[in-house]
Amino acid sequence: MRVNPDLCVGTGSCEAIARRVFSLGPRGKAHVRNPDGDTPEKIWAAARACPTHAIILEDETTGERLYP
């Protein structure tokens, strides 16, 4: 899982949904602070809530892109 800083516009929807995983940095961009901080369901919900699809979810084993 990662956040593309070029796509992030800092709406904070990811932080609102999965606060233990995502946070907004000093430049107002989201970043992953603890990838294991919440349930997979919350992480997926946060990714889907991102209006610019800046959250990229990948299979940890294969590296296959799962979302978006």
N, C-alpha and C. Protein backbone atom coordinates (compact mmCIF):
# COMPACT_ATOMS: atom_id res chain seq x y z
N MET A 1 0.85 -1.16 0.00
CA MET A 1 0.00 0.00 0.00
C MET A 1 0.90 1.23 0.00
N ARG A 2 0.47 2.22 -0.78
CA ARG A 2 1.20 3.47 -0.83
C ARG A 2 0.26 4.58 -1.28
N VAL A 3 0.71 5.81 -1.09
CA VAL A 3 -0.05 6.97 -1.52
C VAL A 3 0.79 7.70 -2.57
N ASN A 4 0.19 7.95 -3.70
CA ASN A 4 0.87 8.71 -4.75
C ASN A 4 0.73 10.20 -4.40
N PRO A 5 1.83 10.85 -4.00
CA PRO A 5 1.74 12.24 -3.58
C PRO A 5 1.38 13.20 -4.71
N ASP A 6 1.62 12.78 -5.95
CA ASP A 6 1.25 13.63 -7.09
C ASP A 6 -0.25 13.67 -7.30
N LEU A 7 -0.95 12.63 -6.85
CA LEU A 7 -2.41 12.58 -7.00
C LEU A 7 -3.15 13.08 -5.77
N CYS A 8 -2.53 12.97 -4.60
CA CYS A 8 -3.18 13.36 -3.36
C CYS A 8 -3.43 14.86 -3.32
N VAL A 9 -4.67 15.23 -2.98
CA VAL A 9 -5.03 16.64 -2.84
C VAL A 9 -5.36 16.99 -1.39
N GLY A 10 -5.15 16.05 -0.48
CA GLY A 10 -5.28 16.32 0.94
C GLY A 10 -6.69 16.49 1.47
N THR A 11 -7.66 15.78 0.91
CA THR A 11 -9.02 15.90 1.42
C THR A 11 -9.17 15.30 2.82
N GLY A 12 -8.32 14.35 3.16
CA GLY A 12 -8.36 13.74 4.48
C GLY A 12 -9.38 12.63 4.64
N SER A 13 -10.03 12.23 3.57
CA SER A 13 -11.03 11.16 3.69
C SER A 13 -10.39 9.86 4.16
N CYS A 14 -9.19 9.58 3.72
CA CYS A 14 -8.51 8.36 4.14
C CYS A 14 -8.22 8.39 5.64
N GLU A 15 -7.77 9.53 6.13
CA GLU A 15 -7.48 9.69 7.55
C GLU A 15 -8.75 9.58 8.38
N ALA A 16 -9.85 10.10 7.89
CA ALA A 16 -11.11 10.03 8.62
C ALA A 16 -11.61 8.59 8.75
N ILE A 17 -11.34 7.77 7.75
CA ILE A 17 -11.83 6.39 7.75
C ILE A 17 -10.85 5.44 8.45
N ALA A 18 -9.58 5.59 8.18
CA ALA A 18 -8.56 4.68 8.75
C ALA A 18 -7.45 5.52 9.38
N ARG A 19 -7.78 6.19 10.45
CA ARG A 19 -6.88 7.13 11.13
C ARG A 19 -5.58 6.50 11.61
N ARG A 20 -5.61 5.23 11.96
CA ARG A 20 -4.39 4.57 12.44
C ARG A 20 -3.45 4.17 11.30
N VAL A 21 -3.95 4.23 10.06
CA VAL A 21 -3.13 3.85 8.90
C VAL A 21 -2.62 5.09 8.16
N PHE A 22 -3.50 6.04 7.92
CA PHE A 22 -3.16 7.21 7.11
C PHE A 22 -3.14 8.48 7.96
N SER A 23 -2.27 9.40 7.58
CA SER A 23 -2.29 10.72 8.20
C SER A 23 -1.82 11.74 7.18
N LEU A 24 -2.23 12.97 7.40
CA LEU A 24 -1.81 14.05 6.52
C LEU A 24 -0.51 14.63 7.07
N GLY A 25 0.45 14.79 6.19
CA GLY A 25 1.74 15.33 6.57
C GLY A 25 1.75 16.85 6.58
N PRO A 26 2.89 17.44 6.83
CA PRO A 26 2.99 18.90 6.94
C PRO A 26 2.65 19.64 5.64
N ARG A 27 2.75 18.97 4.53
CA ARG A 27 2.40 19.60 3.25
C ARG A 27 0.95 19.33 2.84
N GLY A 28 0.21 18.72 3.76
CA GLY A 28 -1.20 18.45 3.49
C GLY A 28 -1.45 17.24 2.63
N LYS A 29 -0.43 16.42 2.43
CA LYS A 29 -0.57 15.21 1.62
C LYS A 29 -0.65 14.00 2.55
N ALA A 30 -1.45 13.03 2.16
CA ALA A 30 -1.59 11.81 2.95
C ALA A 30 -0.35 10.93 2.78
N HIS A 31 -0.08 10.16 3.81
CA HIS A 31 0.96 9.14 3.73
C HIS A 31 0.55 7.97 4.64
N VAL A 32 1.16 6.83 4.39
CA VAL A 32 0.90 5.64 5.20
C VAL A 32 1.81 5.71 6.42
N ARG A 33 1.21 5.75 7.59
CA ARG A 33 2.04 5.80 8.79
C ARG A 33 2.13 4.44 9.48
N ASN A 34 1.12 3.60 9.31
CA ASN A 34 1.14 2.26 9.90
C ASN A 34 0.29 1.34 9.03
N PRO A 35 0.91 0.61 8.11
CA PRO A 35 0.13 -0.22 7.18
C PRO A 35 -0.69 -1.32 7.85
N ASP A 36 -0.33 -1.69 9.07
CA ASP A 36 -1.07 -2.73 9.78
C ASP A 36 -1.96 -2.15 10.87
N GLY A 37 -2.24 -0.85 10.79
CA GLY A 37 -2.96 -0.17 11.85
C GLY A 37 -4.46 -0.37 11.89
N ASP A 38 -5.03 -0.97 10.86
CA ASP A 38 -6.48 -1.15 10.86
C ASP A 38 -6.84 -2.37 10.03
N THR A 39 -8.12 -2.65 9.96
CA THR A 39 -8.59 -3.83 9.24
C THR A 39 -8.48 -3.62 7.74
N PRO A 40 -8.36 -4.70 7.00
CA PRO A 40 -8.35 -4.58 5.54
C PRO A 40 -9.61 -3.89 5.00
N GLU A 41 -10.74 -4.12 5.65
CA GLU A 41 -11.98 -3.49 5.20
C GLU A 41 -11.90 -1.97 5.31
N LYS A 42 -11.34 -1.48 6.40
CA LYS A 42 -11.20 -0.02 6.56
C LYS A 42 -10.20 0.55 5.57
N ILE A 43 -9.13 -0.18 5.32
CA ILE A 43 -8.13 0.29 4.36
C ILE A 43 -8.74 0.37 2.96
N TRP A 44 -9.50 -0.64 2.59
CA TRP A 44 -10.17 -0.62 1.28
C TRP A 44 -11.18 0.52 1.22
N ALA A 45 -11.92 0.73 2.30
CA ALA A 45 -12.90 1.82 2.33
C ALA A 45 -12.20 3.17 2.17
N ALA A 46 -11.06 3.33 2.82
CA ALA A 46 -10.30 4.57 2.69
C ALA A 46 -9.81 4.77 1.26
N ALA A 47 -9.33 3.71 0.65
CA ALA A 47 -8.86 3.80 -0.74
C ALA A 47 -10.00 4.18 -1.67
N ARG A 48 -11.15 3.57 -1.48
CA ARG A 48 -12.31 3.87 -2.33
C ARG A 48 -12.84 5.28 -2.12
N ALA A 49 -12.64 5.82 -0.91
CA ALA A 49 -13.14 7.16 -0.61
C ALA A 49 -12.25 8.26 -1.17
N CYS A 50 -11.04 7.93 -1.56
CA CYS A 50 -10.12 8.94 -2.09
C CYS A 50 -10.64 9.44 -3.44
N PRO A 51 -10.92 10.73 -3.56
CA PRO A 51 -11.50 11.25 -4.79
C PRO A 51 -10.54 11.24 -5.99
N THR A 52 -9.24 11.15 -5.73
CA THR A 52 -8.28 11.16 -6.84
C THR A 52 -7.61 9.81 -7.04
N HIS A 53 -8.06 8.81 -6.32
CA HIS A 53 -7.49 7.45 -6.40
C HIS A 53 -5.99 7.45 -6.13
N ALA A 54 -5.56 8.24 -5.14
CA ALA A 54 -4.15 8.35 -4.81
C ALA A 54 -3.65 7.17 -3.97
N ILE A 55 -4.55 6.43 -3.35
CA ILE A 55 -4.15 5.29 -2.53
C ILE A 55 -4.07 4.06 -3.42
N ILE A 56 -2.90 3.46 -3.44
CA ILE A 56 -2.66 2.30 -4.29
C ILE A 56 -2.50 1.08 -3.39
N LEU A 57 -3.34 0.10 -3.61
CA LEU A 57 -3.28 -1.15 -2.86
C LEU A 57 -2.67 -2.23 -3.73
N GLU A 58 -1.72 -2.95 -3.17
CA GLU A 58 -1.02 -3.99 -3.91
C GLU A 58 -0.96 -5.26 -3.07
N ASP A 59 -0.91 -6.40 -3.75
CA ASP A 59 -0.73 -7.67 -3.08
C ASP A 59 0.69 -7.71 -2.53
N GLU A 60 0.84 -7.94 -1.23
CA GLU A 60 2.16 -7.92 -0.61
C GLU A 60 3.08 -9.02 -1.12
N THR A 61 2.50 -10.14 -1.53
CA THR A 61 3.30 -11.27 -1.98
C THR A 61 3.73 -11.13 -3.43
N THR A 62 2.78 -10.79 -4.30
CA THR A 62 3.08 -10.76 -5.73
C THR A 62 3.40 -9.37 -6.27
N GLY A 63 3.02 -8.35 -5.52
CA GLY A 63 3.19 -6.98 -6.01
C GLY A 63 2.12 -6.56 -7.00
N GLU A 64 1.16 -7.44 -7.25
CA GLU A 64 0.08 -7.14 -8.18
C GLU A 64 -0.77 -5.98 -7.65
N ARG A 65 -1.07 -5.08 -8.53
CA ARG A 65 -1.90 -3.94 -8.15
C ARG A 65 -3.35 -4.38 -8.02
N LEU A 66 -3.95 -4.08 -6.86
CA LEU A 66 -5.32 -4.48 -6.59
C LEU A 66 -6.30 -3.33 -6.72
N TYR A 67 -5.83 -2.11 -6.43
CA TYR A 67 -6.69 -0.93 -6.52
C TYR A 67 -5.82 0.28 -6.70
N PRO A 68 -6.19 1.27 -7.43
CA PRO A 68 -7.28 1.32 -8.39
C PRO A 68 -6.90 0.63 -9.67
